[in-house]
Amino acid sequence: MFYVSVIKSKTDKEFYIGSTNDLKRRMKEPNSGLVFSTKFRRPFALVYYEASKENMMPDTERKT
């Protein structure tokens, strides 16, 4: 299963869109501080996700 998700920083109120095959990991990584680009914007909340059997994001927009 693939997921497109929107997470929101509770610090700076910015939204981040990404795709993953593991939604729990998608929330765990930015909230743990392991991702440099989001490290100082923690905590994050999941505001939307959509599930599909196929990856829905084009290659140029795909993030892990």
C-alpha atoms as a PDB file:
ATOM      1  CA  MET A   1       0.000   0.000   0.000  1.00  0.00           C
ATOM      2  CA  PHE A   2       1.249   3.503  -0.832  1.00  0.00           C
ATOM      3  CA  TYR A   3       0.286   6.685   0.968  1.00  0.00           C
ATOM      4  CA  VAL A   4       0.366  10.355   0.073  1.00  0.00           C
ATOM      5  CA  SER A   5       0.471  12.347   3.274  1.00  0.00           C
ATOM      6  CA  VAL A   6       0.380  15.925   4.455  1.00  0.00           C
ATOM      7  CA  ILE A   7       2.059  16.718   7.750  1.00  0.00           C
ATOM      8  CA  LYS A   8       2.069  20.087   9.486  1.00  0.00           C
ATOM      9  CA  SER A   9       4.732  21.545  11.721  1.00  0.00           C
ATOM     10  CA  LYS A  10       3.284  22.732  15.018  1.00  0.00           C
ATOM     11  CA  THR A  11       6.279  25.091  15.322  1.00  0.00           C
ATOM     12  CA  ASP A  12       6.198  27.104  12.094  1.00  0.00           C
ATOM     13  CA  LYS A  13       2.772  25.943  10.764  1.00  0.00           C
ATOM     14  CA  GLU A  14       4.293  24.812   7.421  1.00  0.00           C
ATOM     15  CA  PHE A  15       2.899  21.842   5.497  1.00  0.00           C
ATOM     16  CA  TYR A  16       4.985  19.029   4.009  1.00  0.00           C
ATOM     17  CA  ILE A  17       3.682  16.655   1.346  1.00  0.00           C
ATOM     18  CA  GLY A  18       5.271  13.281   0.763  1.00  0.00           C
ATOM     19  CA  SER A  19       4.671   9.702  -0.240  1.00  0.00           C
ATOM     20  CA  THR A  20       5.611   6.541   1.567  1.00  0.00           C
ATOM     21  CA  ASN A  21       4.818   2.867   1.836  1.00  0.00           C
ATOM     22  CA  ASP A  22       4.995   3.071   5.659  1.00  0.00           C
ATOM     23  CA  LEU A  23       2.794   5.756   7.199  1.00  0.00           C
ATOM     24  CA  LYS A  24       3.994   5.118  10.764  1.00  0.00           C
ATOM     25  CA  ARG A  25       7.605   5.652   9.659  1.00  0.00           C
ATOM     26  CA  ARG A  26       6.535   8.807   7.795  1.00  0.00           C
ATOM     27  CA  MET A  27       5.454  10.300  11.131  1.00  0.00           C
ATOM     28  CA  LYS A  28       8.243   8.849  13.240  1.00  0.00           C
ATOM     29  CA  GLU A  29      11.208  10.147  11.205  1.00  0.00           C
ATOM     30  CA  PRO A  30      10.522  13.898  11.233  1.00  0.00           C
ATOM     31  CA  ASN A  31       9.316  13.818  14.851  1.00  0.00           C
ATOM     32  CA  SER A  32      12.460  12.001  16.003  1.00  0.00           C
ATOM     33  CA  GLY A  33      14.797  14.714  14.665  1.00  0.00           C
ATOM     34  CA  LEU A  34      16.616  12.341  12.303  1.00  0.00           C
ATOM     35  CA  VAL A  35      15.696  14.380   9.211  1.00  0.00           C
ATOM     36  CA  PHE A  36      17.900  17.490   9.055  1.00  0.00           C
ATOM     37  CA  SER A  37      15.491  19.570   6.957  1.00  0.00           C
ATOM     38  CA  THR A  38      12.692  19.153   9.510  1.00  0.00           C
ATOM     39  CA  LYS A  39      14.743  18.755  12.693  1.00  0.00           C
ATOM     40  CA  PHE A  40      14.065  22.259  14.003  1.00  0.00           C
ATOM     41  CA  ARG A  41      10.401  22.291  12.978  1.00  0.00           C
ATOM     42  CA  ARG A  42       9.215  19.540  15.336  1.00  0.00           C
ATOM     43  CA  PRO A  43       6.662  18.390  16.399  1.00  0.00           C
ATOM     44  CA  PHE A  44       4.583  17.357  13.394  1.00  0.00           C
ATOM     45  CA  ALA A  45       0.981  16.267  13.093  1.00  0.00           C
ATOM     46  CA  LEU A  46      -0.578  14.211  10.327  1.00  0.00           C
ATOM     47  CA  VAL A  47      -3.352  16.329   8.809  1.00  0.00           C
ATOM     48  CA  TYR A  48      -4.262  14.215   5.764  1.00  0.00           C
ATOM     49  CA  TYR A  49      -3.392  10.950   4.054  1.00  0.00           C
ATOM     50  CA  GLU A  50      -4.687   8.989   1.119  1.00  0.00           C
ATOM     51  CA  ALA A  51      -4.016   5.304   0.490  1.00  0.00           C
ATOM     52  CA  SER A  52      -3.618   3.581  -2.868  1.00  0.00           C
ATOM     53  CA  LYS A  53      -2.323   0.319  -4.271  1.00  0.00           C
ATOM     54  CA  GLU A  54      -0.113   2.351  -6.656  1.00  0.00           C
ATOM     55  CA  ASN A  55       2.237   5.246  -5.989  1.00  0.00           C
ATOM     56  CA  MET A  56       0.278   8.379  -6.929  1.00  0.00           C
ATOM     57  CA  MET A  57       3.056  11.001  -6.946  1.00  0.00           C
ATOM     58  CA  PRO A  58       5.123  11.674 -10.091  1.00  0.00           C
ATOM     59  CA  ASP A  59       8.833  10.806  -9.909  1.00  0.00           C
ATOM     60  CA  THR A  60       9.839  14.473  -9.779  1.00  0.00           C
ATOM     61  CA  GLU A  61       7.766  15.084  -6.650  1.00  0.00           C
ATOM     62  CA  ARG A  62       8.435  11.811  -4.849  1.00  0.00           C
ATOM     63  CA  LYS A  63       9.992  12.043  -1.395  1.00  0.00           C
ATOM     64  CA  THR A  64      10.729   9.305   1.107  1.00  0.00           C
END
